[in-house]
C-alpha cells in the first residue's frame, strides 16, 4: 500500500508541475499591409486645334516681315558705311549745281557714286531721261513723288531739283507699329535720306496714313509722279482717294505722270493687281473719272517679252527676282516689266 501511495503521489506531483508551467507565447502576427494609394490618371492634354488658313497666312506674313526688316537694316548699314567723308564731299556739288534741263542733269548724275550700287543698271529698262522729259519735268518745278521706295528716282530728282525747285515725297510713319509693313517702309526711306543730308536734306516729306492718306497740299505742285505704284492703290481700295488727293495738290494745268506695270488688255483689275499689273484702259478710265484729262501716251517703257503670267507676278522679274534661282536666266533675259507711260493734265479752268 505504501508503495502504491507513493506512486500515485509522484504522478500527481508531475501533473501539478506540468500544469503550472508557463504557456508558450502566441505566434507573432504580421500587420496587415496598407492599401495602395488610389491610381489617379493624369489629365490628357487636348490636341491643339489646327491653325486656320487665315492664321497660317498671318503667321507667314509676320515671319516674312521680320525677315524683310532684318535684310533692310543690314542693307542700310552697308550703304551707310559706303558713305565715306570723300563720298560726302563729292556729293555736295551735285545738289549745289544749277541744271538747265533733265538731260543735262542726268549726264551729271547718272554715273555718280552717290547712286546706290546696282541702281544705274536699271537705267536701260526704266529710261529715266525719256520718261521725265515726256512728263515735262523742269529743274525749277515743285514735284511730288508718290512712294519713293528704295529711292531709285529720288536719288536723281533730289539733286536735280535742289537748287531751283522742290521735291516733295510721300512716306509712311517710320515710328508706327513694328508689326506694320508700312512702318518698315517709312524707316527704310528715312535711313535713305539720313545717309546723305547734303543731297536729300531739302526734300519735303509728307507722312501719310497708308489706310487713310491725306497729302494736305492745295494747288501747289507742278508735276506728280506715280511710278509703279498704282497697283498698290488698287490693292488697298484707295484709287479714288489717292487720285482726289493728287488732283487737289496739283496746280491748274499741272501734270500727273503714271508709269504702271501693264496687264493684258481686258484683264480683271481685281485679279491682275495681285500680280502687280493693271489694264491700261482701266487706269485711264479711273484717272479721267477723277477729273484729269489724258494728254498723251508713250511706249518708252514697253516690253513685249513680258508674258505677265509668272508665279510671283511682276516680282518674278528683275530687279526683285522673288523666285531666287528658279528660272533666273529666263527672267533676266525678259528684263523688267511691260509698263504703260501716261501723261494726264489737271484742267486749267
C-alpha atoms as a PDB file:
ATOM      1  CA  UNK A   1       0.000   0.000   0.000  1.00  0.00           C
ATOM      2  CA  UNK A   2       2.765   2.311   0.860  1.00  0.00           C
ATOM      3  CA  UNK A   3       4.476   1.859  -2.482  1.00  0.00           C
ATOM      4  CA  UNK A   4       1.237   2.409  -4.368  1.00  0.00           C
ATOM      5  CA  UNK A   5       0.575   5.536  -2.442  1.00  0.00           C
ATOM      6  CA  UNK A   6       3.998   6.902  -3.284  1.00  0.00           C
ATOM      7  CA  UNK A   7       3.490   6.164  -6.995  1.00  0.00           C
ATOM      8  CA  UNK A   8       0.178   7.973  -7.017  1.00  0.00           C
ATOM      9  CA  UNK A   9       1.699  10.925  -5.208  1.00  0.00           C
ATOM     10  CA  UNK A  10       4.558  11.142  -7.732  1.00  0.00           C
ATOM     11  CA  UNK A  11       2.108  11.152 -10.641  1.00  0.00           C
ATOM     12  CA  UNK A  12       0.073  13.893  -9.038  1.00  0.00           C
ATOM     13  CA  UNK A  13       3.179  15.958  -8.407  1.00  0.00           C
ATOM     14  CA  UNK A  14       4.304  15.582 -12.029  1.00  0.00           C
ATOM     15  CA  UNK A  15       0.853  16.541 -13.251  1.00  0.00           C
ATOM     16  CA  UNK A  16       0.784  19.605 -11.000  1.00  0.00           C
ATOM     17  CA  UNK A  17       4.215  20.714 -12.192  1.00  0.00           C
ATOM     18  CA  UNK A  18       3.177  20.232 -15.804  1.00  0.00           C
ATOM     19  CA  UNK A  19       0.066  22.274 -15.308  1.00  0.00           C
ATOM     20  CA  UNK A  20       1.884  25.097 -13.525  1.00  0.00           C
ATOM     21  CA  UNK A  21       4.499  25.598 -16.343  1.00  0.00           C
ATOM     22  CA  UNK A  22       4.040  28.918 -18.318  1.00  0.00           C
ATOM     23  CA  UNK A  23       2.223  28.662 -21.646  1.00  0.00           C
ATOM     24  CA  UNK A  24       4.329  29.318 -24.766  1.00  0.00           C
ATOM     25  CA  UNK A  25       3.884  32.868 -26.255  1.00  0.00           C
ATOM     26  CA  UNK A  26       1.428  33.144 -29.112  1.00  0.00           C
ATOM     27  CA  UNK A  27       2.982  33.391 -32.560  1.00  0.00           C
ATOM     28  CA  UNK A  28       3.555  36.958 -33.838  1.00  0.00           C
ATOM     29  CA  UNK A  29       1.008  38.120 -36.421  1.00  0.00           C
ATOM     30  CA  UNK A  30       2.328  40.368 -39.252  1.00  0.00           C
ATOM     31  CA  UNK A  31       0.441  43.667 -39.537  1.00  0.00           C
ATOM     32  CA  UNK A  32      -1.962  43.888 -42.421  1.00  0.00           C
ATOM     33  CA  UNK A  33      -0.424  45.729 -45.425  1.00  0.00           C
ATOM     34  CA  UNK A  34      -1.618  49.246 -46.038  1.00  0.00           C
ATOM     35  CA  UNK A  35      -3.896  49.557 -49.036  1.00  0.00           C
ATOM     36  CA  UNK A  36      -2.170  51.026 -52.129  1.00  0.00           C
ATOM     37  CA  UNK A  37      -2.920  54.680 -52.891  1.00  0.00           C
ATOM     38  CA  UNK A  38      -5.676  55.202 -55.411  1.00  0.00           C
ATOM     39  CA  UNK A  39      -4.475  55.477 -59.010  1.00  0.00           C
ATOM     40  CA  UNK A  40      -5.066  58.979 -60.361  1.00  0.00           C
ATOM     41  CA  UNK A  41      -4.871  59.189 -64.111  1.00  0.00           C
ATOM     42  CA  UNK A  42      -3.035  62.243 -65.486  1.00  0.00           C
ATOM     43  CA  UNK A  43      -5.308  64.532 -67.476  1.00  0.00           C
ATOM     44  CA  UNK A  44      -4.881  64.143 -71.214  1.00  0.00           C
ATOM     45  CA  UNK A  45      -3.870  67.437 -72.823  1.00  0.00           C
ATOM     46  CA  UNK A  46      -6.292  68.411 -75.552  1.00  0.00           C
ATOM     47  CA  UNK A  47      -4.926  68.194 -79.078  1.00  0.00           C
ATOM     48  CA  UNK A  48      -4.202  71.743 -80.258  1.00  0.00           C
ATOM     49  CA  UNK A  49      -6.551  72.890 -82.964  1.00  0.00           C
ATOM     50  CA  UNK A  50      -5.146  73.010 -86.457  1.00  0.00           C
ATOM     51  CA  UNK A  51      -4.466  76.662 -87.428  1.00  0.00           C
ATOM     52  CA  UNK A  52      -6.988  78.054 -89.829  1.00  0.00           C
ATOM     53  CA  UNK A  53      -5.817  79.138 -93.287  1.00  0.00           C
ATOM     54  CA  UNK A  54      -6.145  82.738 -92.129  1.00  0.00           C
ATOM     55  CA  UNK A  55      -3.961  82.087 -89.055  1.00  0.00           C
ATOM     56  CA  UNK A  56      -1.357  80.335 -91.208  1.00  0.00           C
ATOM     57  CA  UNK A  57      -1.320  83.259 -93.620  1.00  0.00           C
ATOM     58  CA  UNK A  58      -0.911  85.721 -90.742  1.00  0.00           C
ATOM     59  CA  UNK A  59       1.978  83.714 -89.274  1.00  0.00           C
ATOM     60  CA  UNK A  60       3.687  83.540 -92.658  1.00  0.00           C
ATOM     61  CA  UNK A  61       3.229  87.289 -93.142  1.00  0.00           C
ATOM     62  CA  UNK A  62       4.732  88.010 -89.714  1.00  0.00           C
ATOM     63  CA  UNK A  63       7.719  85.774 -90.416  1.00  0.00           C
ATOM     64  CA  UNK A  64       8.281  87.373 -93.813  1.00  0.00           C
ATOM     65  CA  UNK A  65       8.045  90.885 -92.369  1.00  0.00           C
ATOM     66  CA  UNK A  66      10.604  90.041 -89.674  1.00  0.00           C
ATOM     67  CA  UNK A  67      12.935  88.628 -92.326  1.00  0.00           C
ATOM     68  CA  UNK A  68      12.476  91.670 -94.569  1.00  0.00           C
ATOM     69  CA  UNK A  69      13.197  94.028 -91.661  1.00  0.00           C
ATOM     70  CA  UNK A  70      16.440  92.232 -90.867  1.00  0.00           C
ATOM     71  CA  UNK A  71      17.526  92.392 -94.501  1.00  0.00           C
ATOM     72  CA  UNK A  72      16.526  96.051 -94.798  1.00  0.00           C
ATOM     73  CA  UNK A  73      18.504  97.005 -91.696  1.00  0.00           C
ATOM     74  CA  UNK A  74      21.564  95.115 -92.911  1.00  0.00           C
ATOM     75  CA  UNK A  75      21.410  96.779 -96.339  1.00  0.00           C
ATOM     76  CA  UNK A  76      21.041 100.198 -94.692  1.00  0.00           C
ATOM     77  CA  UNK A  77      24.107  99.574 -92.516  1.00  0.00           C
ATOM     78  CA  UNK A  78      26.175  98.548 -95.517  1.00  0.00           C
ATOM     79  CA  UNK A  79      25.026 101.584 -97.507  1.00  0.00           C
ATOM     80  CA  UNK A  80      25.743 103.966 -94.601  1.00  0.00           C
ATOM     81  CA  UNK A  81      29.268 102.557 -94.294  1.00  0.00           C
ATOM     82  CA  UNK A  82      29.797 103.156 -98.012  1.00  0.00           C
ATOM     83  CA  UNK A  83      29.350 106.896 -97.462  1.00  0.00           C
ATOM     84  CA  UNK A  84      32.896 107.859 -96.622  1.00  0.00           C
ATOM     85  CA  UNK A  85      33.909 111.504 -95.984  1.00  0.00           C
ATOM     86  CA  UNK A  86      35.216 111.584 -99.556  1.00  0.00           C
ATOM     87  CA  UNK A  87      31.867 110.489-100.947  1.00  0.00           C
ATOM     88  CA  UNK A  88      30.063 113.137 -98.889  1.00  0.00           C
ATOM     89  CA  UNK A  89      32.363 115.803-100.297  1.00  0.00           C
ATOM     90  CA  UNK A  90      31.858 114.644-103.885  1.00  0.00           C
ATOM     91  CA  UNK A  91      28.063 114.775-103.426  1.00  0.00           C
ATOM     92  CA  UNK A  92      27.865 118.417-102.340  1.00  0.00           C
ATOM     93  CA  UNK A  93      28.374 119.928-105.814  1.00  0.00           C
ATOM     94  CA  UNK A  94      25.579 117.750-107.233  1.00  0.00           C
ATOM     95  CA  UNK A  95      22.944 119.497-105.126  1.00  0.00           C
ATOM     96  CA  UNK A  96      24.511 122.936-105.488  1.00  0.00           C
ATOM     97  CA  UNK A  97      24.572 122.852-109.287  1.00  0.00           C
ATOM     98  CA  UNK A  98      22.001 124.572-111.487  1.00  0.00           C
ATOM     99  CA  UNK A  99      20.777 122.314-114.283  1.00  0.00           C
ATOM    100  CA  UNK A 100      19.192 123.741-117.435  1.00  0.00           C
ATOM    101  CA  UNK A 101      17.127 120.621-118.146  1.00  0.00           C
ATOM    102  CA  UNK A 102      16.629 116.939-117.330  1.00  0.00           C
ATOM    103  CA  UNK A 103      19.138 115.669-119.866  1.00  0.00           C
ATOM    104  CA  UNK A 104      21.926 117.908-118.588  1.00  0.00           C
ATOM    105  CA  UNK A 105      21.187 116.898-115.011  1.00  0.00           C
ATOM    106  CA  UNK A 106      21.181 113.204-115.840  1.00  0.00           C
ATOM    107  CA  UNK A 107      24.518 113.496-117.636  1.00  0.00           C
ATOM    108  CA  UNK A 108      25.983 114.714-114.361  1.00  0.00           C
ATOM    109  CA  UNK A 109      24.087 112.415-112.008  1.00  0.00           C
ATOM    110  CA  UNK A 110      23.733 109.102-113.805  1.00  0.00           C
ATOM    111  CA  UNK A 111      27.231 107.724-113.177  1.00  0.00           C
ATOM    112  CA  UNK A 112      27.810 109.473-109.876  1.00  0.00           C
ATOM    113  CA  UNK A 113      28.877 107.208-106.976  1.00  0.00           C
ATOM    114  CA  UNK A 114      26.126 108.713-104.830  1.00  0.00           C
ATOM    115  CA  UNK A 115      23.710 106.309-106.534  1.00  0.00           C
ATOM    116  CA  UNK A 116      23.100 103.039-104.724  1.00  0.00           C
ATOM    117  CA  UNK A 117      25.237 100.284-106.300  1.00  0.00           C
ATOM    118  CA  UNK A 118      23.154  98.494-108.920  1.00  0.00           C
ATOM    119  CA  UNK A 119      20.687 101.345-109.450  1.00  0.00           C
ATOM    120  CA  UNK A 120      22.393 102.579-112.608  1.00  0.00           C
ATOM    121  CA  UNK A 121      21.960  99.086-114.081  1.00  0.00           C
ATOM    122  CA  UNK A 122      18.209  99.730-114.191  1.00  0.00           C
ATOM    123  CA  UNK A 123      18.521 102.813-116.418  1.00  0.00           C
ATOM    124  CA  UNK A 124      18.375 100.652-119.547  1.00  0.00           C
ATOM    125  CA  UNK A 125      14.946  99.369-118.507  1.00  0.00           C
ATOM    126  CA  UNK A 126      13.460 102.468-116.846  1.00  0.00           C
ATOM    127  CA  UNK A 127      14.574 105.161-119.309  1.00  0.00           C
ATOM    128  CA  UNK A 128      14.572 107.960-116.714  1.00  0.00           C
ATOM    129  CA  UNK A 129      15.589 110.778-119.078  1.00  0.00           C
ATOM    130  CA  UNK A 130      12.983 109.961-121.710  1.00  0.00           C
ATOM    131  CA  UNK A 131      10.314 109.333-119.074  1.00  0.00           C
ATOM    132  CA  UNK A 132      10.886 112.586-117.160  1.00  0.00           C
ATOM    133  CA  UNK A 133      11.113 114.578-120.401  1.00  0.00           C
ATOM    134  CA  UNK A 134       7.856 113.001-121.570  1.00  0.00           C
ATOM    135  CA  UNK A 135       6.162 114.216-118.379  1.00  0.00           C
ATOM    136  CA  UNK A 136       7.626 117.696-118.918  1.00  0.00           C
ATOM    137  CA  UNK A 137       9.840 117.914-115.837  1.00  0.00           C
ATOM    138  CA  UNK A 138      11.952 121.069-115.482  1.00  0.00           C
ATOM    139  CA  UNK A 139      14.540 121.593-112.708  1.00  0.00           C
ATOM    140  CA  UNK A 140      12.654 124.622-111.317  1.00  0.00           C
ATOM    141  CA  UNK A 141       9.388 122.737-110.687  1.00  0.00           C
ATOM    142  CA  UNK A 142       7.718 121.574-107.497  1.00  0.00           C
ATOM    143  CA  UNK A 143       7.486 117.803-107.911  1.00  0.00           C
ATOM    144  CA  UNK A 144       5.523 115.319-105.825  1.00  0.00           C
ATOM    145  CA  UNK A 145       6.900 111.774-105.833  1.00  0.00           C
ATOM    146  CA  UNK A 146       4.488 109.161-104.542  1.00  0.00           C
ATOM    147  CA  UNK A 147       6.043 106.199-102.703  1.00  0.00           C
ATOM    148  CA  UNK A 148       9.800 106.632-103.254  1.00  0.00           C
ATOM    149  CA  UNK A 149      10.517 103.027-102.291  1.00  0.00           C
ATOM    150  CA  UNK A 150      14.265 102.464-102.116  1.00  0.00           C
ATOM    151  CA  UNK A 151      14.967 105.862-103.653  1.00  0.00           C
ATOM    152  CA  UNK A 152      15.663 104.912-107.250  1.00  0.00           C
ATOM    153  CA  UNK A 153      14.080 108.047-108.728  1.00  0.00           C
ATOM    154  CA  UNK A 154      14.694 110.129-105.596  1.00  0.00           C
ATOM    155  CA  UNK A 155      18.470 109.944-105.962  1.00  0.00           C
ATOM    156  CA  UNK A 156      18.049 111.594-109.389  1.00  0.00           C
ATOM    157  CA  UNK A 157      15.225 114.006-108.584  1.00  0.00           C
ATOM    158  CA  UNK A 158      16.532 115.395-105.280  1.00  0.00           C
ATOM    159  CA  UNK A 159      19.812 116.869-106.554  1.00  0.00           C
ATOM    160  CA  UNK A 160      18.189 117.859-109.856  1.00  0.00           C
ATOM    161  CA  UNK A 161      15.601 119.997-108.023  1.00  0.00           C
ATOM    162  CA  UNK A 162      17.678 121.086-105.007  1.00  0.00           C
ATOM    163  CA  UNK A 163      18.904 124.403-106.410  1.00  0.00           C
ATOM    164  CA  UNK A 164      15.836 125.877-108.110  1.00  0.00           C
ATOM    165  CA  UNK A 165      12.916 123.522-107.492  1.00  0.00           C
ATOM    166  CA  UNK A 166      11.397 121.429-104.706  1.00  0.00           C
ATOM    167  CA  UNK A 167      10.921 117.705-104.254  1.00  0.00           C
ATOM    168  CA  UNK A 168       8.045 116.512-102.054  1.00  0.00           C
ATOM    169  CA  UNK A 169       7.780 112.794-101.278  1.00  0.00           C
ATOM    170  CA  UNK A 170       5.181 110.737 -99.506  1.00  0.00           C
ATOM    171  CA  UNK A 171       6.335 108.420 -96.755  1.00  0.00           C
ATOM    172  CA  UNK A 172       4.644 106.241 -94.169  1.00  0.00           C
ATOM    173  CA  UNK A 173       5.309 106.772 -90.468  1.00  0.00           C
ATOM    174  CA  UNK A 174       8.733 105.350 -89.534  1.00  0.00           C
ATOM    175  CA  UNK A 175       7.657 105.362 -85.885  1.00  0.00           C
ATOM    176  CA  UNK A 176       4.462 103.395 -86.438  1.00  0.00           C
ATOM    177  CA  UNK A 177       3.684  99.923 -85.038  1.00  0.00           C
ATOM    178  CA  UNK A 178       6.564  97.492 -85.531  1.00  0.00           C
ATOM    179  CA  UNK A 179       4.102  94.880 -86.778  1.00  0.00           C
ATOM    180  CA  UNK A 180       3.077  97.010 -89.770  1.00  0.00           C
ATOM    181  CA  UNK A 181       4.926  96.706 -93.079  1.00  0.00           C
ATOM    182  CA  UNK A 182       4.255 100.392 -93.694  1.00  0.00           C
ATOM    183  CA  UNK A 183       6.481 101.197 -90.697  1.00  0.00           C
ATOM    184  CA  UNK A 184       9.339  99.272 -92.281  1.00  0.00           C
ATOM    185  CA  UNK A 185       8.908 101.260 -95.498  1.00  0.00           C
ATOM    186  CA  UNK A 186       8.900 104.514 -93.538  1.00  0.00           C
ATOM    187  CA  UNK A 187      12.119 103.580 -91.723  1.00  0.00           C
ATOM    188  CA  UNK A 188      13.779 102.498 -94.966  1.00  0.00           C
ATOM    189  CA  UNK A 189      13.238 105.862 -96.634  1.00  0.00           C
ATOM    190  CA  UNK A 190      14.228 107.777 -93.502  1.00  0.00           C
ATOM    191  CA  UNK A 191      17.561 105.937 -93.457  1.00  0.00           C
ATOM    192  CA  UNK A 192      17.958 106.637 -97.165  1.00  0.00           C
ATOM    193  CA  UNK A 193      17.625 110.392 -96.564  1.00  0.00           C
ATOM    194  CA  UNK A 194      19.787 110.476 -93.458  1.00  0.00           C
ATOM    195  CA  UNK A 195      22.811 108.899 -95.119  1.00  0.00           C
ATOM    196  CA  UNK A 196      23.413 111.996 -97.293  1.00  0.00           C
ATOM    197  CA  UNK A 197      21.843 115.195 -95.915  1.00  0.00           C
ATOM    198  CA  UNK A 198      23.821 117.273 -98.412  1.00  0.00           C
ATOM    199  CA  UNK A 199      21.750 115.661-101.188  1.00  0.00           C
ATOM    200  CA  UNK A 200      18.459 114.853 -99.520  1.00  0.00           C
ATOM    201  CA  UNK A 201      18.203 117.454 -96.779  1.00  0.00           C
ATOM    202  CA  UNK A 202      15.941 119.721 -98.846  1.00  0.00           C
ATOM    203  CA  UNK A 203      13.342 117.025 -99.517  1.00  0.00           C
ATOM    204  CA  UNK A 204       9.953 117.865 -98.035  1.00  0.00           C
ATOM    205  CA  UNK A 205       8.367 114.713 -96.642  1.00  0.00           C
ATOM    206  CA  UNK A 206       4.622 114.271 -96.232  1.00  0.00           C
ATOM    207  CA  UNK A 207       3.957 111.466 -93.724  1.00  0.00           C
ATOM    208  CA  UNK A 208       0.742 109.728 -94.679  1.00  0.00           C
ATOM    209  CA  UNK A 209      -1.523 107.149 -93.117  1.00  0.00           C
ATOM    210  CA  UNK A 210      -1.357 104.258 -95.562  1.00  0.00           C
ATOM    211  CA  UNK A 211      -5.007 103.377 -94.817  1.00  0.00           C
ATOM    212  CA  UNK A 212      -6.400 106.932 -94.916  1.00  0.00           C
ATOM    213  CA  UNK A 213      -3.940 109.026 -96.941  1.00  0.00           C
ATOM    214  CA  UNK A 214      -4.086 112.788 -96.905  1.00  0.00           C
ATOM    215  CA  UNK A 215      -1.482 114.984 -98.588  1.00  0.00           C
ATOM    216  CA  UNK A 216      -2.604 118.303 -97.161  1.00  0.00           C
ATOM    217  CA  UNK A 217      -1.455 120.078-100.338  1.00  0.00           C
ATOM    218  CA  UNK A 218      -3.559 122.523-102.313  1.00  0.00           C
ATOM    219  CA  UNK A 219      -2.745 123.683-105.860  1.00  0.00           C
ATOM    220  CA  UNK A 220       0.993 123.876-105.149  1.00  0.00           C
ATOM    221  CA  UNK A 221       2.507 121.047-107.250  1.00  0.00           C
ATOM    222  CA  UNK A 222       3.588 121.276-110.907  1.00  0.00           C
ATOM    223  CA  UNK A 223       4.169 117.563-111.514  1.00  0.00           C
ATOM    224  CA  UNK A 224       3.036 114.493-109.569  1.00  0.00           C
ATOM    225  CA  UNK A 225       4.781 111.187-110.279  1.00  0.00           C
ATOM    226  CA  UNK A 226       3.277 107.772-109.564  1.00  0.00           C
ATOM    227  CA  UNK A 227       5.920 105.291-110.700  1.00  0.00           C
ATOM    228  CA  UNK A 228       4.996 101.598-110.470  1.00  0.00           C
ATOM    229  CA  UNK A 229       2.658 102.279-107.573  1.00  0.00           C
ATOM    230  CA  UNK A 230      -0.938 102.364-108.755  1.00  0.00           C
ATOM    231  CA  UNK A 231      -1.470  98.617-108.278  1.00  0.00           C
ATOM    232  CA  UNK A 232      -0.829  99.246-104.570  1.00  0.00           C
ATOM    233  CA  UNK A 233      -3.579 101.850-104.552  1.00  0.00           C
ATOM    234  CA  UNK A 234      -5.990  99.340-106.025  1.00  0.00           C
ATOM    235  CA  UNK A 235      -4.956  96.527-103.686  1.00  0.00           C
ATOM    236  CA  UNK A 236      -5.795  98.802-100.751  1.00  0.00           C
ATOM    237  CA  UNK A 237      -9.018 100.118-102.264  1.00  0.00           C
ATOM    238  CA  UNK A 238      -7.621 103.661-102.416  1.00  0.00           C
ATOM    239  CA  UNK A 239      -7.507 104.537-106.113  1.00  0.00           C
ATOM    240  CA  UNK A 240     -10.238 107.184-105.834  1.00  0.00           C
ATOM    241  CA  UNK A 241      -8.819 108.618-102.588  1.00  0.00           C
ATOM    242  CA  UNK A 242      -5.298 108.973-103.963  1.00  0.00           C
ATOM    243  CA  UNK A 243      -6.483 110.500-107.241  1.00  0.00           C
ATOM    244  CA  UNK A 244      -8.578 113.036-105.348  1.00  0.00           C
ATOM    245  CA  UNK A 245      -5.632 113.942-103.118  1.00  0.00           C
ATOM    246  CA  UNK A 246      -3.318 114.274-106.099  1.00  0.00           C
ATOM    247  CA  UNK A 247      -5.818 116.355-108.045  1.00  0.00           C
ATOM    248  CA  UNK A 248      -6.126 118.771-105.120  1.00  0.00           C
ATOM    249  CA  UNK A 249      -2.330 119.016-104.755  1.00  0.00           C
ATOM    250  CA  UNK A 250      -1.693 119.933-108.415  1.00  0.00           C
ATOM    251  CA  UNK A 251      -1.855 123.452-109.762  1.00  0.00           C
ATOM    252  CA  UNK A 252      -4.372 124.054-112.548  1.00  0.00           C
ATOM    253  CA  UNK A 253      -2.621 122.805-115.670  1.00  0.00           C
ATOM    254  CA  UNK A 254      -0.375 120.567-113.557  1.00  0.00           C
ATOM    255  CA  UNK A 255       0.666 117.116-114.766  1.00  0.00           C
ATOM    256  CA  UNK A 256       0.117 113.649-113.324  1.00  0.00           C
ATOM    257  CA  UNK A 257       2.672 111.195-114.712  1.00  0.00           C
ATOM    258  CA  UNK A 258       1.939 107.490-114.298  1.00  0.00           C
ATOM    259  CA  UNK A 259       4.213 104.550-115.044  1.00  0.00           C
ATOM    260  CA  UNK A 260       2.489 101.260-114.262  1.00  0.00           C
ATOM    261  CA  UNK A 261       3.020  97.537-114.912  1.00  0.00           C
ATOM    262  CA  UNK A 262       0.577  96.759-117.735  1.00  0.00           C
ATOM    263  CA  UNK A 263      -1.633  93.679-117.794  1.00  0.00           C
ATOM    264  CA  UNK A 264      -3.106  92.091-120.887  1.00  0.00           C
ATOM    265  CA  UNK A 265      -5.963  94.122-122.391  1.00  0.00           C
ATOM    266  CA  UNK A 266      -9.315  93.349-120.815  1.00  0.00           C
ATOM    267  CA  UNK A 267      -7.822  91.732-117.701  1.00  0.00           C
ATOM    268  CA  UNK A 268      -9.817  91.898-114.468  1.00  0.00           C
ATOM    269  CA  UNK A 269      -8.039  94.599-112.427  1.00  0.00           C
ATOM    270  CA  UNK A 270      -9.112  92.964-109.168  1.00  0.00           C
ATOM    271  CA  UNK A 271      -7.143  89.863-110.165  1.00  0.00           C
ATOM    272  CA  UNK A 272      -4.269  91.370-112.130  1.00  0.00           C
ATOM    273  CA  UNK A 273      -3.411  93.789-109.318  1.00  0.00           C
ATOM    274  CA  UNK A 274      -2.461  90.819-107.124  1.00  0.00           C
ATOM    275  CA  UNK A 275       0.352  90.188-109.594  1.00  0.00           C
ATOM    276  CA  UNK A 276       1.295  93.882-109.770  1.00  0.00           C
ATOM    277  CA  UNK A 277      -0.344  94.584-113.154  1.00  0.00           C
ATOM    278  CA  UNK A 278      -3.289  96.759-114.207  1.00  0.00           C
ATOM    279  CA  UNK A 279      -5.052  97.090-117.589  1.00  0.00           C
ATOM    280  CA  UNK A 280      -4.212 100.357-119.331  1.00  0.00           C
ATOM    281  CA  UNK A 281      -7.752 101.136-120.387  1.00  0.00           C
ATOM    282  CA  UNK A 282      -8.945 100.725-116.790  1.00  0.00           C
ATOM    283  CA  UNK A 283      -6.231 103.057-115.463  1.00  0.00           C
ATOM    284  CA  UNK A 284      -7.178 105.758-117.973  1.00  0.00           C
ATOM    285  CA  UNK A 285     -10.844 105.398-117.063  1.00  0.00           C
ATOM    286  CA  UNK A 286     -10.146 105.755-113.330  1.00  0.00           C
ATOM    287  CA  UNK A 287      -7.888 108.782-113.709  1.00  0.00           C
ATOM    288  CA  UNK A 288     -10.222 110.610-116.051  1.00  0.00           C
ATOM    289  CA  UNK A 289     -13.146 109.884-113.728  1.00  0.00           C
ATOM    290  CA  UNK A 290     -11.228 111.868-111.078  1.00  0.00           C
ATOM    291  CA  UNK A 291     -11.209 114.948-113.346  1.00  0.00           C
ATOM    292  CA  UNK A 292      -7.907 114.568-115.197  1.00  0.00           C
ATOM    293  CA  UNK A 293      -7.583 114.584-118.978  1.00  0.00           C
ATOM    294  CA  UNK A 294      -5.277 112.184-120.801  1.00  0.00           C
ATOM    295  CA  UNK A 295      -2.676 114.312-122.592  1.00  0.00           C
ATOM    296  CA  UNK A 296      -0.640 111.606-124.299  1.00  0.00           C
ATOM    297  CA  UNK A 297       0.696 108.061-124.013  1.00  0.00           C
ATOM    298  CA  UNK A 298       4.147 106.637-124.654  1.00  0.00           C
ATOM    299  CA  UNK A 299       5.685 103.223-125.211  1.00  0.00           C
ATOM    300  CA  UNK A 300       9.018 104.313-123.692  1.00  0.00           C
ATOM    301  CA  UNK A 301       8.767 101.609-121.049  1.00  0.00           C
ATOM    302  CA  UNK A 302       7.054  98.883-123.061  1.00  0.00           C
ATOM    303  CA  UNK A 303       8.461  95.338-123.085  1.00  0.00           C
ATOM    304  CA  UNK A 304       6.924  92.821-125.483  1.00  0.00           C
ATOM    305  CA  UNK A 305       8.866  89.969-123.828  1.00  0.00           C
ATOM    306  CA  UNK A 306       6.826  90.270-120.647  1.00  0.00           C
ATOM    307  CA  UNK A 307       4.231  87.457-120.685  1.00  0.00           C
ATOM    308  CA  UNK A 308       2.705  88.593-117.341  1.00  0.00           C
ATOM    309  CA  UNK A 309       1.977  85.047-116.138  1.00  0.00           C
ATOM    310  CA  UNK A 310       4.655  84.329-113.532  1.00  0.00           C
ATOM    311  CA  UNK A 311       4.191  82.520-110.193  1.00  0.00           C
ATOM    312  CA  UNK A 312       5.214  85.618-108.229  1.00  0.00           C
ATOM    313  CA  UNK A 313       3.710  88.111-110.624  1.00  0.00           C
ATOM    314  CA  UNK A 314       5.793  91.083-111.670  1.00  0.00           C
ATOM    315  CA  UNK A 315       8.108  90.357-108.739  1.00  0.00           C
ATOM    316  CA  UNK A 316       9.391  87.255-110.525  1.00  0.00           C
ATOM    317  CA  UNK A 317      11.127  89.628-112.940  1.00  0.00           C
ATOM    318  CA  UNK A 318      14.213  91.717-112.199  1.00  0.00           C
ATOM    319  CA  UNK A 319      15.160  93.512-110.123  1.00  0.00           C
ATOM    320  CA  UNK A 320      13.229  91.605-107.432  1.00  0.00           C
ATOM    321  CA  UNK A 321      13.659  88.047-108.792  1.00  0.00           C
ATOM    322  CA  UNK A 322      11.489  86.717-105.987  1.00  0.00           C
ATOM    323  CA  UNK A 323      11.797  83.110-107.160  1.00  0.00           C
ATOM    324  CA  UNK A 324      15.525  83.108-106.433  1.00  0.00           C
ATOM    325  CA  UNK A 325      17.465  80.835-108.738  1.00  0.00           C
ATOM    326  CA  UNK A 326      14.343  79.300-110.271  1.00  0.00           C
ATOM    327  CA  UNK A 327      14.071  80.456-113.896  1.00  0.00           C
ATOM    328  CA  UNK A 328      16.578  83.220-113.118  1.00  0.00           C
ATOM    329  CA  UNK A 329      18.186  83.256-116.569  1.00  0.00           C
ATOM    330  CA  UNK A 330      14.765  83.282-118.213  1.00  0.00           C
ATOM    331  CA  UNK A 331      13.669  86.323-116.184  1.00  0.00           C
ATOM    332  CA  UNK A 332      16.922  88.177-116.724  1.00  0.00           C
ATOM    333  CA  UNK A 333      16.503  87.660-120.469  1.00  0.00           C
ATOM    334  CA  UNK A 334      12.990  89.166-120.274  1.00  0.00           C
ATOM    335  CA  UNK A 335      14.139  92.182-118.284  1.00  0.00           C
ATOM    336  CA  UNK A 336      11.808  94.463-116.348  1.00  0.00           C
ATOM    337  CA  UNK A 337       8.052  94.527-116.853  1.00  0.00           C
ATOM    338  CA  UNK A 338       5.967  95.869-119.694  1.00  0.00           C
ATOM    339  CA  UNK A 339       4.786  99.282-118.470  1.00  0.00           C
ATOM    340  CA  UNK A 340       2.338 101.918-119.647  1.00  0.00           C
ATOM    341  CA  UNK A 341       3.546 105.531-119.502  1.00  0.00           C
ATOM    342  CA  UNK A 342       0.674 108.008-119.310  1.00  0.00           C
ATOM    343  CA  UNK A 343       0.620 111.827-119.034  1.00  0.00           C
ATOM    344  CA  UNK A 344      -2.526 113.437-117.590  1.00  0.00           C
ATOM    345  CA  UNK A 345      -3.357 117.117-117.124  1.00  0.00           C
ATOM    346  CA  UNK A 346      -5.439 118.800-114.451  1.00  0.00           C
ATOM    347  CA  UNK A 347      -7.622 121.210-116.464  1.00  0.00           C
ATOM    348  CA  UNK A 348      -6.610 124.833-116.076  1.00  0.00           C
ATOM    349  CA  UNK A 349     -10.165 126.056-115.646  1.00  0.00           C
END
